[in-house]
Amino acid sequence: LESHGKKFTYSELVDLAKAESNPWRTLIYVDAPLFMHAGGMIARIQKFAGESNQEVPETPGQLAQTIFASLALQYAQTCDVLEKCSALPMPGIHIVGGGSQNDHLSQLTSDVSGREVIAGPIEATAIGNAIVQAIALGEIANLQAGRDLIRKSELKLHSFLPRQVLKLSELRERYQKISRMELR
């Protein structure tokens, strides 16, 4: 992201997002067709906000927070759907890969979902690939043995528990409403 000739690092954007006084000010439906292709994302986020009658994010912090809050709500919604479809409890959400490095996103997700969030490992894709290869080579007996091996490793995992009392029903209802909008 570049604003007024300044380029921001990812960690700077996270810090700017955390500084926003109203973290749920503007929400986007992250799975909307409008966001499927790369390029021009700031304009598309602003378009979605305007067409859904929300405040249009202008600053880098507002834009980043819009994205993080919306992702957290989408993670929570997806977990709810999986819980309903499977009829199994979903006590937590596990975020892996690069996104697991964003403590702000993990905490937002925990707060809005009311669930524990486990973040990490960062290198989940590579680890999964290595386990599959080891199974194929006969070095590990099966998938369960691979999972057991991963659990015994010294991978860094971080736990986030809900810490805020949010008006969850209002917030979730608002997100549901924007997720059903058909924007031009």
N, C-alpha and C. Protein backbone atom coordinates (compact mmCIF):
# COMPACT_ATOMS: atom_id res chain seq x y z
N LEU A 1 0.85 -1.18 0.00
CA LEU A 1 0.00 0.00 0.00
C LEU A 1 0.89 1.23 0.00
N GLU A 2 0.52 2.17 -0.81
CA GLU A 2 1.27 3.43 -0.89
C GLU A 2 0.27 4.57 -0.73
N SER A 3 0.62 5.53 0.11
CA SER A 3 -0.25 6.68 0.34
C SER A 3 0.60 7.94 0.40
N HIS A 4 0.26 8.89 -0.44
CA HIS A 4 0.98 10.17 -0.49
C HIS A 4 2.49 9.94 -0.63
N GLY A 5 2.87 9.01 -1.49
CA GLY A 5 4.27 8.75 -1.75
C GLY A 5 4.97 7.90 -0.70
N LYS A 6 4.28 7.46 0.32
CA LYS A 6 4.89 6.63 1.36
C LYS A 6 4.43 5.19 1.20
N LYS A 7 5.40 4.28 1.19
CA LYS A 7 5.08 2.86 1.15
C LYS A 7 5.08 2.33 2.58
N PHE A 8 4.13 1.47 2.88
CA PHE A 8 3.99 0.92 4.22
C PHE A 8 4.38 -0.54 4.24
N THR A 9 5.03 -0.96 5.31
CA THR A 9 5.31 -2.37 5.51
C THR A 9 4.04 -3.01 6.08
N TYR A 10 3.99 -4.31 6.03
CA TYR A 10 2.84 -5.03 6.57
C TYR A 10 2.69 -4.73 8.06
N SER A 11 3.78 -4.74 8.80
CA SER A 11 3.68 -4.49 10.25
C SER A 11 3.25 -3.05 10.53
N GLU A 12 3.64 -2.10 9.69
CA GLU A 12 3.16 -0.73 9.86
C GLU A 12 1.65 -0.64 9.63
N LEU A 13 1.17 -1.37 8.63
CA LEU A 13 -0.27 -1.38 8.37
C LEU A 13 -1.04 -2.01 9.53
N VAL A 14 -0.49 -3.07 10.10
CA VAL A 14 -1.14 -3.70 11.26
C VAL A 14 -1.20 -2.70 12.42
N ASP A 15 -0.10 -2.00 12.66
CA ASP A 15 -0.08 -1.00 13.74
C ASP A 15 -1.09 0.12 13.49
N LEU A 16 -1.18 0.58 12.25
CA LEU A 16 -2.15 1.63 11.91
C LEU A 16 -3.58 1.11 12.09
N ALA A 17 -3.82 -0.13 11.72
CA ALA A 17 -5.15 -0.72 11.89
C ALA A 17 -5.51 -0.82 13.37
N LYS A 18 -4.57 -1.27 14.18
CA LYS A 18 -4.82 -1.41 15.62
C LYS A 18 -5.14 -0.07 16.27
N ALA A 19 -4.63 1.01 15.71
CA ALA A 19 -4.85 2.35 16.27
C ALA A 19 -6.22 2.92 15.92
N GLU A 20 -6.95 2.27 15.04
CA GLU A 20 -8.28 2.77 14.66
C GLU A 20 -9.22 2.68 15.86
N SER A 21 -9.93 3.76 16.13
CA SER A 21 -10.80 3.82 17.31
C SER A 21 -12.07 2.99 17.17
N ASN A 22 -12.55 2.79 15.95
CA ASN A 22 -13.73 1.96 15.74
C ASN A 22 -13.36 0.82 14.79
N PRO A 23 -12.95 -0.32 15.34
CA PRO A 23 -12.45 -1.40 14.48
C PRO A 23 -13.50 -2.01 13.56
N TRP A 24 -14.78 -1.80 13.83
CA TRP A 24 -15.83 -2.42 13.03
C TRP A 24 -16.57 -1.38 12.18
N ARG A 25 -15.95 -0.22 11.99
CA ARG A 25 -16.56 0.92 11.29
C ARG A 25 -17.03 0.55 9.89
N THR A 26 -16.17 -0.08 9.11
CA THR A 26 -16.49 -0.44 7.73
C THR A 26 -16.16 -1.91 7.53
N LEU A 27 -17.09 -2.63 6.92
CA LEU A 27 -16.90 -4.05 6.65
C LEU A 27 -17.11 -4.32 5.17
N ILE A 28 -16.36 -5.28 4.66
CA ILE A 28 -16.57 -5.74 3.30
C ILE A 28 -16.82 -7.23 3.35
N TYR A 29 -17.54 -7.73 2.36
CA TYR A 29 -17.71 -9.18 2.23
C TYR A 29 -16.54 -9.68 1.41
N VAL A 30 -15.59 -10.31 2.08
CA VAL A 30 -14.32 -10.65 1.43
C VAL A 30 -14.47 -11.66 0.30
N ASP A 31 -15.56 -12.41 0.27
CA ASP A 31 -15.79 -13.38 -0.80
C ASP A 31 -16.63 -12.82 -1.95
N ALA A 32 -16.92 -11.54 -1.92
CA ALA A 32 -17.70 -10.93 -3.01
C ALA A 32 -16.93 -11.03 -4.32
N PRO A 33 -17.63 -11.26 -5.42
CA PRO A 33 -16.96 -11.34 -6.72
C PRO A 33 -16.10 -10.11 -7.03
N LEU A 34 -16.48 -8.98 -6.49
CA LEU A 34 -15.73 -7.74 -6.69
C LEU A 34 -14.26 -7.87 -6.28
N PHE A 35 -13.98 -8.77 -5.33
CA PHE A 35 -12.62 -8.90 -4.79
C PHE A 35 -11.86 -10.11 -5.34
N MET A 36 -12.38 -10.76 -6.36
CA MET A 36 -11.77 -11.99 -6.87
C MET A 36 -10.45 -11.78 -7.61
N HIS A 37 -10.29 -10.66 -8.25
CA HIS A 37 -9.10 -10.46 -9.08
C HIS A 37 -8.16 -9.43 -8.45
N ALA A 38 -6.89 -9.57 -8.72
CA ALA A 38 -5.88 -8.66 -8.18
C ALA A 38 -5.96 -7.30 -8.87
N GLY A 39 -5.39 -6.31 -8.18
CA GLY A 39 -5.29 -4.98 -8.74
C GLY A 39 -6.44 -4.08 -8.37
N GLY A 40 -6.12 -2.83 -8.09
CA GLY A 40 -7.14 -1.83 -7.80
C GLY A 40 -7.97 -2.12 -6.57
N MET A 41 -7.39 -2.83 -5.61
CA MET A 41 -8.16 -3.28 -4.45
C MET A 41 -8.66 -2.12 -3.58
N ILE A 42 -7.87 -1.08 -3.43
CA ILE A 42 -8.31 0.05 -2.59
C ILE A 42 -9.59 0.65 -3.17
N ALA A 43 -9.61 0.87 -4.47
CA ALA A 43 -10.79 1.44 -5.11
C ALA A 43 -11.99 0.50 -4.96
N ARG A 44 -11.76 -0.80 -5.03
CA ARG A 44 -12.86 -1.76 -4.90
C ARG A 44 -13.40 -1.81 -3.48
N ILE A 45 -12.50 -1.73 -2.51
CA ILE A 45 -12.94 -1.68 -1.10
C ILE A 45 -13.79 -0.43 -0.88
N GLN A 46 -13.31 0.69 -1.40
CA GLN A 46 -14.05 1.95 -1.24
C GLN A 46 -15.39 1.90 -1.97
N LYS A 47 -15.41 1.28 -3.13
CA LYS A 47 -16.66 1.13 -3.88
C LYS A 47 -17.65 0.28 -3.08
N PHE A 48 -17.19 -0.84 -2.54
CA PHE A 48 -18.06 -1.71 -1.75
C PHE A 48 -18.64 -0.94 -0.56
N ALA A 49 -17.78 -0.21 0.13
CA ALA A 49 -18.22 0.56 1.30
C ALA A 49 -19.29 1.58 0.89
N GLY A 50 -19.03 2.32 -0.17
CA GLY A 50 -19.99 3.33 -0.62
C GLY A 50 -21.31 2.73 -1.05
N GLU A 51 -21.26 1.65 -1.82
CA GLU A 51 -22.48 1.03 -2.32
C GLU A 51 -23.25 0.29 -1.23
N SER A 52 -22.60 -0.01 -0.12
CA SER A 52 -23.29 -0.67 0.99
C SER A 52 -23.63 0.33 2.10
N ASN A 53 -23.54 1.61 1.76
CA ASN A 53 -23.92 2.69 2.68
C ASN A 53 -23.13 2.69 3.98
N GLN A 54 -21.84 2.46 3.88
CA GLN A 54 -20.95 2.51 5.03
C GLN A 54 -19.97 3.66 4.82
N GLU A 55 -19.29 4.02 5.90
CA GLU A 55 -18.25 5.02 5.76
C GLU A 55 -17.15 4.46 4.87
N VAL A 56 -16.68 5.28 3.95
CA VAL A 56 -15.65 4.85 3.01
C VAL A 56 -14.28 5.02 3.67
N PRO A 57 -13.52 3.93 3.80
CA PRO A 57 -12.19 4.04 4.40
C PRO A 57 -11.26 4.84 3.48
N GLU A 58 -10.53 5.78 4.06
CA GLU A 58 -9.65 6.63 3.28
C GLU A 58 -8.17 6.44 3.64
N THR A 59 -7.88 6.32 4.93
CA THR A 59 -6.49 6.25 5.37
C THR A 59 -5.98 4.81 5.30
N PRO A 60 -4.67 4.65 5.24
CA PRO A 60 -4.11 3.28 5.25
C PRO A 60 -4.58 2.46 6.46
N GLY A 61 -4.68 3.08 7.63
CA GLY A 61 -5.15 2.37 8.82
C GLY A 61 -6.60 1.94 8.70
N GLN A 62 -7.44 2.82 8.16
CA GLN A 62 -8.85 2.47 7.97
C GLN A 62 -9.01 1.33 6.97
N LEU A 63 -8.25 1.41 5.88
CA LEU A 63 -8.32 0.35 4.86
C LEU A 63 -7.85 -0.98 5.42
N ALA A 64 -6.73 -0.98 6.12
CA ALA A 64 -6.20 -2.22 6.70
C ALA A 64 -7.17 -2.79 7.72
N GLN A 65 -7.73 -1.93 8.57
CA GLN A 65 -8.66 -2.41 9.60
C GLN A 65 -9.93 -2.96 8.97
N THR A 66 -10.39 -2.34 7.90
CA THR A 66 -11.56 -2.86 7.18
C THR A 66 -11.30 -4.29 6.73
N ILE A 67 -10.13 -4.52 6.19
CA ILE A 67 -9.76 -5.86 5.71
C ILE A 67 -9.66 -6.84 6.88
N PHE A 68 -8.95 -6.47 7.93
CA PHE A 68 -8.75 -7.39 9.06
C PHE A 68 -10.07 -7.71 9.76
N ALA A 69 -10.90 -6.71 10.00
CA ALA A 69 -12.18 -6.94 10.67
C ALA A 69 -13.07 -7.84 9.82
N SER A 70 -13.06 -7.61 8.52
CA SER A 70 -13.89 -8.40 7.61
C SER A 70 -13.39 -9.84 7.51
N LEU A 71 -12.09 -10.03 7.47
CA LEU A 71 -11.54 -11.39 7.47
C LEU A 71 -11.91 -12.12 8.76
N ALA A 72 -11.81 -11.45 9.89
CA ALA A 72 -12.15 -12.07 11.17
C ALA A 72 -13.62 -12.52 11.17
N LEU A 73 -14.49 -11.67 10.67
CA LEU A 73 -15.91 -12.03 10.60
C LEU A 73 -16.16 -13.19 9.64
N GLN A 74 -15.43 -13.21 8.54
CA GLN A 74 -15.59 -14.31 7.58
C GLN A 74 -15.09 -15.62 8.18
N TYR A 75 -13.97 -15.58 8.89
CA TYR A 75 -13.47 -16.79 9.57
C TYR A 75 -14.53 -17.31 10.55
N ALA A 76 -15.10 -16.40 11.34
CA ALA A 76 -16.11 -16.80 12.33
C ALA A 76 -17.34 -17.37 11.64
N GLN A 77 -17.78 -16.73 10.57
CA GLN A 77 -18.96 -17.19 9.84
C GLN A 77 -18.70 -18.58 9.24
N THR A 78 -17.53 -18.78 8.67
CA THR A 78 -17.19 -20.08 8.09
C THR A 78 -17.18 -21.17 9.16
N CYS A 79 -16.64 -20.85 10.31
CA CYS A 79 -16.61 -21.80 11.42
C CYS A 79 -18.04 -22.15 11.86
N ASP A 80 -18.90 -21.16 11.92
CA ASP A 80 -20.31 -21.39 12.28
C ASP A 80 -20.99 -22.32 11.28
N VAL A 81 -20.73 -22.10 10.00
CA VAL A 81 -21.34 -22.93 8.95
C VAL A 81 -20.83 -24.37 9.08
N LEU A 82 -19.53 -24.54 9.28
CA LEU A 82 -18.97 -25.88 9.43
C LEU A 82 -19.56 -26.59 10.64
N GLU A 83 -19.72 -25.85 11.72
CA GLU A 83 -20.30 -26.42 12.93
C GLU A 83 -21.74 -26.89 12.68
N LYS A 84 -22.49 -26.06 11.98
CA LYS A 84 -23.89 -26.38 11.70
C LYS A 84 -23.99 -27.58 10.75
N CYS A 85 -23.19 -27.58 9.69
CA CYS A 85 -23.25 -28.66 8.70
C CYS A 85 -22.78 -30.01 9.26
N SER A 86 -21.77 -29.97 10.10
CA SER A 86 -21.21 -31.21 10.63
C SER A 86 -21.90 -31.70 11.90
N ALA A 87 -22.64 -30.81 12.53
CA ALA A 87 -23.25 -31.10 13.83
C ALA A 87 -22.20 -31.45 14.88
N LEU A 88 -21.00 -30.95 14.68
CA LEU A 88 -19.90 -31.14 15.62
C LEU A 88 -19.49 -29.79 16.20
N PRO A 89 -19.11 -29.76 17.46
CA PRO A 89 -18.67 -28.48 18.02
C PRO A 89 -17.35 -28.03 17.40
N MET A 90 -17.24 -26.75 17.18
CA MET A 90 -16.01 -26.14 16.65
C MET A 90 -15.49 -25.18 17.72
N PRO A 91 -14.73 -25.71 18.69
CA PRO A 91 -14.31 -24.87 19.81
C PRO A 91 -13.22 -23.86 19.47
N GLY A 92 -12.57 -24.06 18.33
CA GLY A 92 -11.48 -23.15 18.00
C GLY A 92 -11.29 -22.98 16.52
N ILE A 93 -10.47 -22.01 16.18
CA ILE A 93 -10.10 -21.71 14.80
C ILE A 93 -8.59 -21.74 14.75
N HIS A 94 -8.06 -22.46 13.77
CA HIS A 94 -6.61 -22.56 13.62
C HIS A 94 -6.20 -21.81 12.36
N ILE A 95 -5.42 -20.77 12.54
CA ILE A 95 -4.92 -19.96 11.42
C ILE A 95 -3.46 -20.36 11.18
N VAL A 96 -3.14 -20.77 9.96
CA VAL A 96 -1.79 -21.21 9.64
C VAL A 96 -1.21 -20.35 8.52
N GLY A 97 0.06 -20.53 8.24
CA GLY A 97 0.71 -19.81 7.16
C GLY A 97 1.02 -18.38 7.54
N GLY A 98 1.22 -17.56 6.53
CA GLY A 98 1.62 -16.17 6.74
C GLY A 98 0.66 -15.37 7.60
N GLY A 99 -0.65 -15.62 7.44
CA GLY A 99 -1.65 -14.90 8.23
C GLY A 99 -1.54 -15.15 9.73
N SER A 100 -0.89 -16.24 10.10
CA SER A 100 -0.76 -16.55 11.52
C SER A 100 0.22 -15.62 12.23
N GLN A 101 0.93 -14.81 11.47
CA GLN A 101 1.87 -13.84 12.06
C GLN A 101 1.18 -12.55 12.49
N ASN A 102 -0.09 -12.38 12.11
CA ASN A 102 -0.83 -11.16 12.41
C ASN A 102 -1.61 -11.36 13.71
N ASP A 103 -1.01 -11.00 14.83
CA ASP A 103 -1.65 -11.15 16.14
C ASP A 103 -2.95 -10.35 16.22
N HIS A 104 -2.98 -9.21 15.56
CA HIS A 104 -4.18 -8.37 15.57
C HIS A 104 -5.35 -9.12 14.93
N LEU A 105 -5.13 -9.71 13.76
CA LEU A 105 -6.17 -10.47 13.08
C LEU A 105 -6.60 -11.67 13.93
N SER A 106 -5.65 -12.34 14.54
CA SER A 106 -5.99 -13.50 15.38
C SER A 106 -6.85 -13.08 16.57
N GLN A 107 -6.50 -11.96 17.21
CA GLN A 107 -7.28 -11.50 18.35
C GLN A 107 -8.67 -11.04 17.92
N LEU A 108 -8.77 -10.32 16.81
CA LEU A 108 -10.09 -9.92 16.29
C LEU A 108 -10.95 -11.15 16.02
N THR A 109 -10.34 -12.18 15.42
CA THR A 109 -11.06 -13.41 15.10
C THR A 109 -11.56 -14.08 16.37
N SER A 110 -10.73 -14.14 17.38
CA SER A 110 -11.14 -14.73 18.66
C SER A 110 -12.27 -13.93 19.28
N ASP A 111 -12.12 -12.61 19.29
CA ASP A 111 -13.14 -11.74 19.89
C ASP A 111 -14.48 -11.89 19.20
N VAL A 112 -14.49 -11.89 17.88
CA VAL A 112 -15.76 -11.90 17.15
C VAL A 112 -16.36 -13.30 17.08
N SER A 113 -15.54 -14.33 17.14
CA SER A 113 -16.06 -15.70 17.05
C SER A 113 -16.42 -16.25 18.42
N GLY A 114 -15.81 -15.68 19.47
CA GLY A 114 -16.01 -16.22 20.81
C GLY A 114 -15.28 -17.53 21.01
N ARG A 115 -14.32 -17.80 20.14
CA ARG A 115 -13.58 -19.06 20.18
C ARG A 115 -12.08 -18.80 20.38
N GLU A 116 -11.40 -19.82 20.86
CA GLU A 116 -9.95 -19.75 20.91
C GLU A 116 -9.41 -19.77 19.48
N VAL A 117 -8.39 -18.98 19.22
CA VAL A 117 -7.70 -19.01 17.94
C VAL A 117 -6.27 -19.48 18.21
N ILE A 118 -5.86 -20.49 17.47
CA ILE A 118 -4.48 -20.97 17.52
C ILE A 118 -3.82 -20.48 16.24
N ALA A 119 -2.73 -19.76 16.37
CA ALA A 119 -2.03 -19.21 15.21
C ALA A 119 -0.69 -19.92 15.04
N GLY A 120 -0.46 -20.43 13.85
CA GLY A 120 0.79 -21.09 13.52
C GLY A 120 0.55 -22.55 13.20
N PRO A 121 1.50 -23.18 12.61
CA PRO A 121 2.82 -22.67 12.26
C PRO A 121 2.79 -21.86 10.96
N ILE A 122 3.77 -21.00 10.86
CA ILE A 122 3.90 -20.16 9.67
C ILE A 122 4.16 -21.03 8.44
N GLU A 123 4.97 -22.05 8.62
CA GLU A 123 5.40 -22.90 7.51
C GLU A 123 4.52 -24.13 7.33
N ALA A 124 3.22 -24.01 7.55
CA ALA A 124 2.29 -25.14 7.52
C ALA A 124 2.28 -25.87 6.18
N THR A 125 2.31 -25.15 5.08
CA THR A 125 2.27 -25.78 3.76
C THR A 125 3.50 -26.66 3.55
N ALA A 126 4.67 -26.14 3.87
CA ALA A 126 5.90 -26.91 3.70
C ALA A 126 5.91 -28.13 4.60
N ILE A 127 5.44 -27.97 5.83
CA ILE A 127 5.41 -29.09 6.77
C ILE A 127 4.45 -30.17 6.26
N GLY A 128 3.27 -29.76 5.82
CA GLY A 128 2.31 -30.72 5.29
C GLY A 128 2.86 -31.47 4.09
N ASN A 129 3.54 -30.77 3.21
CA ASN A 129 4.15 -31.40 2.05
C ASN A 129 5.21 -32.41 2.49
N ALA A 130 6.04 -32.03 3.45
CA ALA A 130 7.08 -32.94 3.94
C ALA A 130 6.48 -34.20 4.56
N ILE A 131 5.39 -34.05 5.29
CA ILE A 131 4.73 -35.20 5.91
C ILE A 131 4.19 -36.14 4.83
N VAL A 132 3.53 -35.58 3.83
CA VAL A 132 2.98 -36.40 2.75
C VAL A 132 4.11 -37.15 2.03
N GLN A 133 5.21 -36.46 1.77
CA GLN A 133 6.35 -37.11 1.11
C GLN A 133 6.93 -38.22 1.98
N ALA A 134 7.02 -37.98 3.28
CA ALA A 134 7.55 -38.99 4.20
C ALA A 134 6.63 -40.21 4.25
N ILE A 135 5.33 -40.00 4.19
CA ILE A 135 4.38 -41.12 4.15
C ILE A 135 4.58 -41.91 2.86
N ALA A 136 4.70 -41.19 1.73
CA ALA A 136 4.88 -41.84 0.43
C ALA A 136 6.16 -42.66 0.39
N LEU A 137 7.20 -42.21 1.08
CA LEU A 137 8.48 -42.91 1.11
C LEU A 137 8.53 -44.01 2.18
N GLY A 138 7.46 -44.12 2.95
CA GLY A 138 7.43 -45.14 4.00
C GLY A 138 8.18 -44.76 5.26
N GLU A 139 8.60 -43.50 5.37
CA GLU A 139 9.32 -43.03 6.56
C GLU A 139 8.38 -42.79 7.74
N ILE A 140 7.14 -42.47 7.42
CA ILE A 140 6.10 -42.27 8.43
C ILE A 140 4.95 -43.19 8.03
N ALA A 141 4.37 -43.86 9.02
CA ALA A 141 3.36 -44.89 8.74
C ALA A 141 2.09 -44.36 8.07
N ASN A 142 1.56 -43.25 8.58
CA ASN A 142 0.29 -42.76 8.05
C ASN A 142 0.09 -41.30 8.48
N LEU A 143 -1.05 -40.76 8.09
CA LEU A 143 -1.35 -39.36 8.38
C LEU A 143 -1.39 -39.09 9.89
N GLN A 144 -1.98 -39.99 10.64
CA GLN A 144 -2.06 -39.80 12.10
C GLN A 144 -0.65 -39.75 12.71
N ALA A 145 0.24 -40.60 12.24
CA ALA A 145 1.62 -40.58 12.74
C ALA A 145 2.29 -39.26 12.38
N GLY A 146 1.99 -38.73 11.19
CA GLY A 146 2.52 -37.43 10.79
C GLY A 146 2.02 -36.32 11.68
N ARG A 147 0.72 -36.37 11.99
CA ARG A 147 0.14 -35.36 12.90
C ARG A 147 0.77 -35.44 14.29
N ASP A 148 0.96 -36.66 14.76
CA ASP A 148 1.59 -36.85 16.07
C ASP A 148 3.00 -36.27 16.08
N LEU A 149 3.73 -36.49 15.00
CA LEU A 149 5.09 -35.96 14.88
C LEU A 149 5.08 -34.43 14.92
N ILE A 150 4.15 -33.83 14.23
CA ILE A 150 4.04 -32.36 14.21
C ILE A 150 3.72 -31.85 15.62
N ARG A 151 2.79 -32.51 16.31
CA ARG A 151 2.43 -32.08 17.67
C ARG A 151 3.62 -32.12 18.62
N LYS A 152 4.52 -33.09 18.43
CA LYS A 152 5.68 -33.24 19.31
C LYS A 152 6.81 -32.27 18.96
N SER A 153 6.71 -31.64 17.81
CA SER A 153 7.78 -30.74 17.38
C SER A 153 7.76 -29.45 18.20
N GLU A 154 8.75 -28.62 17.97
CA GLU A 154 8.85 -27.36 18.71
C GLU A 154 8.38 -26.18 17.87
N LEU A 155 7.35 -26.40 17.08
CA LEU A 155 6.79 -25.32 16.27
C LEU A 155 6.15 -24.28 17.17
N LYS A 156 6.27 -23.04 16.77
CA LYS A 156 5.67 -21.96 17.57
C LYS A 156 4.19 -21.81 17.22
N LEU A 157 3.38 -21.99 18.25
CA LEU A 157 1.95 -21.76 18.14
C LEU A 157 1.57 -20.73 19.18
N HIS A 158 0.63 -19.87 18.85
CA HIS A 158 0.17 -18.84 19.79
C HIS A 158 -1.34 -18.99 19.96
N SER A 159 -1.79 -18.85 21.18
CA SER A 159 -3.20 -18.97 21.49
C SER A 159 -3.79 -17.59 21.80
N PHE A 160 -4.98 -17.36 21.27
CA PHE A 160 -5.70 -16.10 21.52
C PHE A 160 -7.09 -16.47 22.03
N LEU A 161 -7.46 -15.88 23.14
CA LEU A 161 -8.78 -16.11 23.72
C LEU A 161 -9.61 -14.84 23.62
N PRO A 162 -10.93 -14.98 23.51
CA PRO A 162 -11.78 -13.78 23.45
C PRO A 162 -11.51 -12.90 24.67
N ARG A 163 -11.30 -11.61 24.43
CA ARG A 163 -11.00 -10.71 25.54
C ARG A 163 -11.96 -9.54 25.64
N GLN A 164 -12.78 -9.37 24.63
CA GLN A 164 -13.69 -8.23 24.63
C GLN A 164 -15.12 -8.73 24.63
N VAL A 165 -15.96 -7.98 25.26
CA VAL A 165 -17.39 -8.27 25.19
C VAL A 165 -17.92 -7.42 24.04
N LEU A 166 -18.24 -8.07 22.95
CA LEU A 166 -18.73 -7.38 21.77
C LEU A 166 -20.23 -7.58 21.63
N LYS A 167 -20.86 -6.65 20.95
CA LYS A 167 -22.27 -6.82 20.61
C LYS A 167 -22.29 -7.74 19.39
N LEU A 168 -22.04 -9.01 19.66
CA LEU A 168 -21.85 -9.97 18.58
C LEU A 168 -23.05 -10.11 17.67
N SER A 169 -24.23 -10.15 18.23
CA SER A 169 -25.40 -10.35 17.37
C SER A 169 -25.55 -9.21 16.38
N GLU A 170 -25.36 -7.97 16.83
CA GLU A 170 -25.45 -6.81 15.93
C GLU A 170 -24.38 -6.86 14.86
N LEU A 171 -23.16 -7.15 15.27
CA LEU A 171 -22.02 -7.17 14.35
C LEU A 171 -22.17 -8.30 13.33
N ARG A 172 -22.53 -9.47 13.79
CA ARG A 172 -22.71 -10.61 12.90
C ARG A 172 -23.87 -10.38 11.94
N GLU A 173 -24.94 -9.79 12.44
CA GLU A 173 -26.10 -9.48 11.61
C GLU A 173 -25.72 -8.48 10.51
N ARG A 174 -24.95 -7.49 10.87
CA ARG A 174 -24.48 -6.50 9.90
C ARG A 174 -23.62 -7.16 8.82
N TYR A 175 -22.73 -8.07 9.24
CA TYR A 175 -21.88 -8.76 8.27
C TYR A 175 -22.72 -9.67 7.37
N GLN A 176 -23.69 -10.35 7.94
CA GLN A 176 -24.58 -11.20 7.15
C GLN A 176 -25.29 -10.36 6.08
N LYS A 177 -25.74 -9.19 6.48
CA LYS A 177 -26.46 -8.31 5.55
C LYS A 177 -25.56 -7.91 4.37
N ILE A 178 -24.33 -7.49 4.66
CA ILE A 178 -23.46 -7.08 3.55
C ILE A 178 -23.00 -8.26 2.71
N SER A 179 -22.96 -9.45 3.31
CA SER A 179 -22.54 -10.62 2.52
C SER A 179 -23.61 -11.03 1.51
N ARG A 180 -24.84 -10.59 1.72
CA ARG A 180 -25.92 -10.94 0.80
C ARG A 180 -26.15 -9.85 -0.25
N MET A 181 -25.45 -8.74 -0.15
CA MET A 181 -25.66 -7.64 -1.10
C MET A 181 -25.11 -8.01 -2.48
N GLU A 182 -25.83 -7.61 -3.47
CA GLU A 182 -25.34 -7.76 -4.83
C GLU A 182 -24.99 -6.38 -5.34
N LEU A 183 -23.70 -6.14 -5.42
CA LEU A 183 -23.23 -4.83 -5.85
C LEU A 183 -22.88 -4.85 -7.33
N ARG A 184 -23.03 -3.72 -7.95
CA ARG A 184 -22.72 -3.60 -9.38
C ARG A 184 -21.26 -3.61 -9.65
